[in-house]
């Protein structure tokens, strides 16, 4: 009976590891898309009229915040220090 429980535990652990790997890949894909959107918004900032800048800057700020959060979820180095230093508005 103990062997059956061990097999179930091992299967459950393997499923959790597989789920974590899929989640990690999904977050990486999402971060890639957000980085592409950030590049697009920065390019638009250079070429659009000044009256469109507030909306673009807001989009850039939201993307940067979401990127930092995703990086922290993945445990990427520098995500914590970037989050601590860039949220201050003086």
Protein backbone atom coordinates (compact mmCIF):
# COMPACT_ATOMS: atom_id res chain seq x y z
CA UNK A 1 0.00 0.00 0.00
CA UNK A 2 2.86 2.37 0.81
CA UNK A 3 4.30 1.84 -2.67
CA UNK A 4 1.03 2.94 -4.29
CA UNK A 5 1.04 6.14 -2.25
CA UNK A 6 4.66 6.81 -3.19
CA UNK A 7 3.87 6.38 -6.89
CA UNK A 8 0.95 8.81 -6.58
CA UNK A 9 3.17 11.29 -4.77
CA UNK A 10 5.81 11.00 -7.47
CA UNK A 11 3.22 11.44 -10.21
CA UNK A 12 1.79 14.49 -8.47
CA UNK A 13 5.26 16.00 -8.07
CA UNK A 14 6.02 15.37 -11.75
CA UNK A 15 2.72 17.01 -12.79
CA UNK A 16 3.48 20.05 -10.61
CA UNK A 17 6.94 20.39 -12.14
CA UNK A 18 5.48 20.12 -15.64
CA UNK A 19 2.85 22.76 -14.82
CA UNK A 20 5.53 25.10 -13.44
CA UNK A 21 7.60 24.67 -16.61
CA UNK A 22 4.56 25.49 -18.77
CA UNK A 23 3.79 28.54 -16.63
CA UNK A 24 7.41 29.67 -16.92
CA UNK A 25 7.27 29.36 -20.72
CA UNK A 26 3.97 31.24 -20.87
CA UNK A 27 5.39 34.08 -18.79
CA UNK A 28 8.49 34.22 -21.00
CA UNK A 29 6.30 34.46 -24.13
CA UNK A 30 4.19 37.19 -22.53
CA UNK A 31 7.31 39.13 -21.55
CA UNK A 32 8.57 38.88 -25.12
CA UNK A 33 5.32 40.34 -26.45
CA UNK A 34 5.37 43.12 -23.88
CA UNK A 35 8.97 43.98 -24.81
CA UNK A 36 7.93 44.18 -28.47
CA UNK A 37 5.03 46.46 -27.50
CA UNK A 38 7.38 48.61 -25.44
CA UNK A 39 9.70 49.02 -28.43
CA UNK A 40 6.73 49.92 -30.63
CA UNK A 41 5.48 52.51 -28.11
CA UNK A 42 8.95 54.06 -27.84
CA UNK A 43 9.16 54.32 -31.63
CA UNK A 44 5.72 55.91 -31.74
CA UNK A 45 6.83 58.39 -29.11
CA UNK A 46 9.50 59.64 -31.49
CA UNK A 47 7.19 59.98 -34.49
CA UNK A 48 3.79 61.04 -33.14
CA UNK A 49 2.65 64.58 -32.41
CA UNK A 50 3.27 65.83 -28.89
CA UNK A 51 -0.44 65.79 -28.02
CA UNK A 52 -0.37 61.96 -28.31
CA UNK A 53 2.59 61.64 -25.94
CA UNK A 54 0.63 61.42 -22.66
CA UNK A 55 -1.22 58.32 -23.84
CA UNK A 56 1.98 56.72 -25.11
CA UNK A 57 3.85 57.54 -21.91
CA UNK A 58 1.03 56.00 -19.89
CA UNK A 59 1.21 52.86 -22.03
CA UNK A 60 4.99 52.72 -21.63
CA UNK A 61 4.70 53.08 -17.86
CA UNK A 62 2.12 50.28 -17.65
CA UNK A 63 4.19 48.00 -19.87
CA UNK A 64 7.34 48.65 -17.83
CA UNK A 65 5.51 47.90 -14.58
CA UNK A 66 4.05 44.69 -15.97
CA UNK A 67 7.44 43.67 -17.36
CA UNK A 68 9.07 44.17 -13.96
CA UNK A 69 6.36 42.07 -12.32
CA UNK A 70 6.82 39.28 -14.87
CA UNK A 71 10.58 39.38 -14.42
CA UNK A 72 10.13 39.08 -10.66
CA UNK A 73 7.84 36.08 -11.21
CA UNK A 74 10.60 34.43 -13.23
CA UNK A 75 13.27 35.42 -10.73
CA UNK A 76 15.28 37.36 -13.30
CA UNK A 77 18.13 39.37 -11.79
CA UNK A 78 17.64 43.11 -11.65
CA UNK A 79 13.85 42.99 -11.52
CA UNK A 80 13.71 43.87 -7.82
CA UNK A 81 16.17 46.75 -8.05
CA UNK A 82 14.44 48.14 -11.14
CA UNK A 83 11.09 48.01 -9.39
CA UNK A 84 12.43 49.77 -6.30
CA UNK A 85 14.13 52.58 -8.19
CA UNK A 86 11.65 53.47 -10.89
CA UNK A 87 8.38 53.77 -9.01
CA UNK A 88 9.29 56.99 -7.24
CA UNK A 89 7.74 60.14 -8.68
CA UNK A 90 9.31 63.26 -7.28
